[in-house]
Amino acid sequence: MNFSIEKDWVTGSGLRAVVVIHPAGHRCGYVGVPANNKHHSKGYDDVPADVHGGLTYAGGEADYPAPSAGLWWLGYDCAHLGDANDPELMQGEYKELHDKGMFRHHFTDDMVKSLDYCVRECELLAGQLSENKGMKYRKKPVVIEATQWFKMGDHPQVVEATMSGMPIFWIETLEGGHIVTPGDYIITGVKGEHYPCKPDIFELTYEPAEETA
């Protein structure tokens, strides 16, 4: 099967990582651990890791996902419920099936996971697999701006669009477009980026920074 490497780099934790494109049009991410790492030669079910969809691959005896000497690769894929395939990345029989309208359809909320998204997941995975933990860190408290959206006009970044012939509400984020539904919070991040958040997650994560008059 013709996999292509989209990015190959050394993570901030010092472990090698690669993102590959599957012929079906989705991405997979992998982190390689050396022979002296406690996770080397273990199955993916035996390695505790919090990564997109959970670990789904472990191996190191072939040149997949990339040629390497002695590395044991642990990885995840972006072909789970909620993930979408990108027709522009499809190859071979998958592309042919898509062009004939025979490839599986997605739910409207499914999203293609971008290269940037997969790089971040690999960095997080590498941090969990690395044995050079160093210092412990605490996330800085950050004050964000948020608007609860119910209808057009509540937030300037939400626009009307269509998907599969159905009307939807849409917002562009750093990870691509995302559907917005009434009640979602539209958050403005520290760099001015916008992204939606479901109300239950928002209430568990955030609290008012100051009392309103």
Protein backbone atom coordinates (compact mmCIF):
# COMPACT_ATOMS: atom_id res chain seq x y z
CA MET A 1 0.00 0.00 0.00
CA ASN A 2 1.38 3.39 -0.98
CA PHE A 3 1.86 5.48 2.15
CA SER A 4 3.63 8.82 1.86
CA ILE A 5 5.56 10.62 4.59
CA GLU A 6 4.27 14.16 5.02
CA LYS A 7 6.58 15.22 7.87
CA ASP A 8 9.58 13.63 9.58
CA TRP A 9 11.17 15.47 12.52
CA VAL A 10 12.63 15.28 16.03
CA THR A 11 10.09 16.27 18.67
CA GLY A 12 10.68 18.63 21.56
CA SER A 13 11.08 15.54 23.76
CA GLY A 14 13.95 14.30 21.61
CA LEU A 15 12.07 11.40 19.99
CA ARG A 16 11.67 11.01 16.24
CA ALA A 17 8.16 11.38 14.83
CA VAL A 18 6.53 11.06 11.44
CA VAL A 19 3.14 11.90 9.97
CA VAL A 20 2.11 9.78 7.01
CA ILE A 21 -0.79 10.02 4.59
CA HIS A 22 -2.87 6.87 4.18
CA PRO A 23 -4.12 6.22 0.62
CA ALA A 24 -7.68 6.47 1.95
CA GLY A 25 -7.09 10.18 2.59
CA HIS A 26 -6.47 10.35 6.33
CA ARG A 27 -3.31 10.97 8.32
CA CYS A 28 -1.51 8.77 10.85
CA GLY A 29 1.09 9.86 13.39
CA TYR A 30 3.95 7.84 14.89
CA VAL A 31 6.68 8.32 17.49
CA GLY A 32 9.77 6.08 17.60
CA VAL A 33 11.37 5.01 20.88
CA PRO A 34 14.94 3.63 21.13
CA ALA A 35 15.87 0.19 22.42
CA ASN A 36 16.62 1.47 25.93
CA ASN A 37 13.14 2.99 26.33
CA LYS A 38 10.79 1.01 28.59
CA HIS A 39 8.07 1.06 25.91
CA HIS A 40 10.29 -0.56 23.25
CA SER A 41 8.85 -3.83 21.85
CA LYS A 42 5.55 -3.43 23.70
CA GLY A 43 2.15 -3.78 22.02
CA TYR A 44 0.04 -0.69 21.64
CA ASP A 45 -2.48 -2.03 24.16
CA ASP A 46 0.31 -2.27 26.75
CA VAL A 47 1.42 1.36 26.54
CA PRO A 48 -0.71 3.92 28.39
CA ALA A 49 -1.02 6.99 26.18
CA ASP A 50 -3.53 9.78 25.76
CA VAL A 51 -3.54 10.52 22.03
CA HIS A 52 -6.12 10.97 19.28
CA GLY A 53 -8.28 7.82 19.18
CA GLY A 54 -5.76 5.94 21.33
CA LEU A 55 -2.74 3.98 20.14
CA THR A 56 -3.51 1.70 17.19
CA TYR A 57 -0.04 0.68 16.01
CA ALA A 58 3.17 -0.78 17.42
CA GLY A 59 6.02 -2.15 15.36
CA GLY A 60 9.63 -1.78 14.31
CA GLU A 61 10.68 -4.67 12.19
CA ALA A 62 9.92 -3.15 8.76
CA ASP A 63 10.46 0.19 7.07
CA TYR A 64 7.06 1.43 8.20
CA PRO A 65 6.21 4.14 8.95
CA ALA A 66 9.74 5.21 7.99
CA PRO A 67 13.13 3.54 7.57
CA SER A 68 14.86 3.47 10.95
CA ALA A 69 17.50 1.52 12.82
CA GLY A 70 16.28 -0.02 16.06
CA LEU A 71 13.35 2.31 16.71
CA TRP A 72 10.04 0.90 17.94
CA TRP A 73 7.17 2.89 16.52
CA LEU A 74 3.97 3.64 18.43
CA GLY A 75 1.21 5.46 16.60
CA TYR A 76 -2.36 6.51 16.09
CA ASP A 77 -4.61 7.06 13.08
CA CYS A 78 -7.20 9.67 12.15
CA ALA A 79 -9.82 7.24 10.84
CA HIS A 80 -12.14 7.17 13.84
CA LEU A 81 -15.69 8.32 14.41
CA GLY A 82 -15.58 12.09 14.01
CA ASP A 83 -12.70 11.96 11.51
CA ALA A 84 -13.13 12.61 7.80
CA ASN A 85 -11.08 11.58 4.79
CA ASP A 86 -9.67 14.27 2.52
CA PRO A 87 -10.45 13.50 -1.15
CA GLU A 88 -7.41 15.55 -2.18
CA LEU A 89 -5.14 13.13 -0.28
CA MET A 90 -6.72 9.92 -1.61
CA GLN A 91 -4.73 7.63 -3.86
CA GLY A 92 -5.27 4.54 -5.99
CA GLU A 93 -8.41 2.48 -5.46
CA TYR A 94 -9.68 4.84 -2.76
CA LYS A 95 -9.56 7.78 -5.16
CA GLU A 96 -11.33 5.71 -7.81
CA LEU A 97 -14.09 4.69 -5.39
CA HIS A 98 -14.52 8.30 -4.26
CA ASP A 99 -14.75 9.57 -7.83
CA LYS A 100 -17.44 6.97 -8.52
CA GLY A 101 -19.39 8.03 -5.41
CA MET A 102 -18.80 4.66 -3.78
CA PHE A 103 -16.58 5.75 -0.88
CA ARG A 104 -18.15 5.87 2.58
CA HIS A 105 -19.97 9.06 3.55
CA HIS A 106 -19.29 11.06 6.67
CA PHE A 107 -21.48 12.72 9.22
CA THR A 108 -21.66 16.48 8.90
CA ASP A 109 -19.60 17.04 12.08
CA ASP A 110 -16.70 14.86 10.89
CA MET A 111 -13.47 16.80 10.35
CA VAL A 112 -10.29 16.16 8.38
CA LYS A 113 -7.41 16.23 10.84
CA SER A 114 -4.76 18.59 9.51
CA LEU A 115 -1.00 18.16 9.47
CA ASP A 116 -0.66 20.77 12.24
CA TYR A 117 -3.14 18.81 14.37
CA CYS A 118 -1.21 15.56 13.87
CA VAL A 119 2.11 17.25 14.65
CA ARG A 120 0.69 18.49 17.97
CA GLU A 121 -0.63 15.00 18.78
CA CYS A 122 2.78 13.49 18.02
CA GLU A 123 4.47 16.05 20.26
CA LEU A 124 2.05 15.18 23.07
CA LEU A 125 2.60 11.47 22.52
CA ALA A 126 6.37 11.90 22.49
CA GLY A 127 6.16 13.73 25.80
CA GLN A 128 4.32 10.78 27.31
CA LEU A 129 6.73 8.19 25.88
CA SER A 130 9.92 10.06 26.70
CA GLU A 131 11.79 9.03 29.81
CA ASN A 132 13.54 12.39 30.01
CA LYS A 133 10.70 14.00 31.89
CA GLY A 134 12.76 16.79 33.46
CA MET A 135 10.80 19.41 35.36
CA LYS A 136 7.09 19.42 35.94
CA TYR A 137 5.07 22.27 34.48
CA ARG A 138 1.71 23.81 35.22
CA LYS A 139 -0.41 25.40 32.51
CA LYS A 140 -0.54 29.18 32.84
CA PRO A 141 -3.90 30.68 33.74
CA VAL A 142 -5.14 32.42 30.61
CA VAL A 143 -8.07 34.80 30.36
CA ILE A 144 -10.05 34.27 27.17
CA GLU A 145 -12.98 36.01 25.57
CA ALA A 146 -16.05 33.98 24.68
CA THR A 147 -19.50 34.58 23.25
CA GLN A 148 -22.34 32.09 23.47
CA TRP A 149 -23.80 31.76 20.00
CA PHE A 150 -27.49 31.15 19.31
CA LYS A 151 -28.21 32.84 15.96
CA MET A 152 -26.64 34.68 13.06
CA GLY A 153 -25.29 38.01 14.21
CA ASP A 154 -24.18 36.80 17.64
CA HIS A 155 -20.56 36.46 16.44
CA PRO A 156 -19.04 37.94 13.26
CA GLN A 157 -16.91 34.85 12.51
CA VAL A 158 -19.88 32.49 12.21
CA VAL A 159 -21.25 32.30 8.68
CA GLU A 160 -23.99 30.41 6.88
CA ALA A 161 -22.92 27.56 4.60
CA THR A 162 -24.16 24.30 3.12
CA MET A 163 -22.88 20.75 3.48
CA SER A 164 -24.27 17.89 1.43
CA GLY A 165 -27.06 20.24 0.40
CA MET A 166 -28.03 21.02 4.00
CA PRO A 167 -27.77 24.50 5.54
CA ILE A 168 -25.24 24.76 8.37
CA PHE A 169 -23.46 27.41 10.44
CA TRP A 170 -19.68 27.46 10.04
CA ILE A 171 -16.57 28.96 11.57
CA GLU A 172 -12.96 28.80 10.37
CA THR A 173 -10.40 27.70 12.99
CA LEU A 174 -6.66 27.04 12.95
CA GLU A 175 -7.50 23.36 12.37
CA GLY A 176 -9.92 24.05 9.53
CA GLY A 177 -13.64 24.75 9.38
CA HIS A 178 -16.02 23.57 12.07
CA ILE A 179 -19.80 23.41 12.39
CA VAL A 180 -21.41 25.65 15.01
CA THR A 181 -24.72 24.78 16.70
CA PRO A 182 -26.90 27.00 18.90
CA GLY A 183 -25.55 27.20 22.44
CA ASP A 184 -21.91 26.74 21.46
CA TYR A 185 -19.39 29.19 22.85
CA ILE A 186 -17.11 30.95 20.35
CA ILE A 187 -13.75 31.42 22.07
CA THR A 188 -11.10 33.94 21.07
CA GLY A 189 -7.69 32.48 21.90
CA VAL A 190 -4.51 34.19 23.05
CA LYS A 191 -3.36 34.74 19.45
CA GLY A 192 -6.70 36.06 18.27
CA GLU A 193 -7.82 32.73 16.80
CA HIS A 194 -11.46 31.62 17.07
CA TYR A 195 -12.84 28.18 17.83
CA PRO A 196 -16.14 26.73 19.09
CA CYS A 197 -16.64 24.89 22.37
CA LYS A 198 -19.65 22.87 23.48
CA PRO A 199 -21.45 24.43 26.47
CA ASP A 200 -20.91 21.47 28.82
CA ILE A 201 -17.16 21.43 28.14
CA PHE A 202 -17.00 25.21 28.45
CA GLU A 203 -18.69 25.19 31.86
CA LEU A 204 -16.32 22.50 33.15
CA THR A 205 -13.25 24.35 31.86
CA TYR A 206 -13.91 28.05 32.36
CA GLU A 207 -15.31 30.43 34.94
CA PRO A 208 -15.94 34.18 34.80
CA ALA A 209 -12.71 36.17 35.19
CA GLU A 210 -14.52 39.07 36.83
CA GLU A 211 -17.98 40.00 37.97
CA THR A 212 -20.07 41.85 35.39
CA ALA A 213 -21.93 44.94 36.43
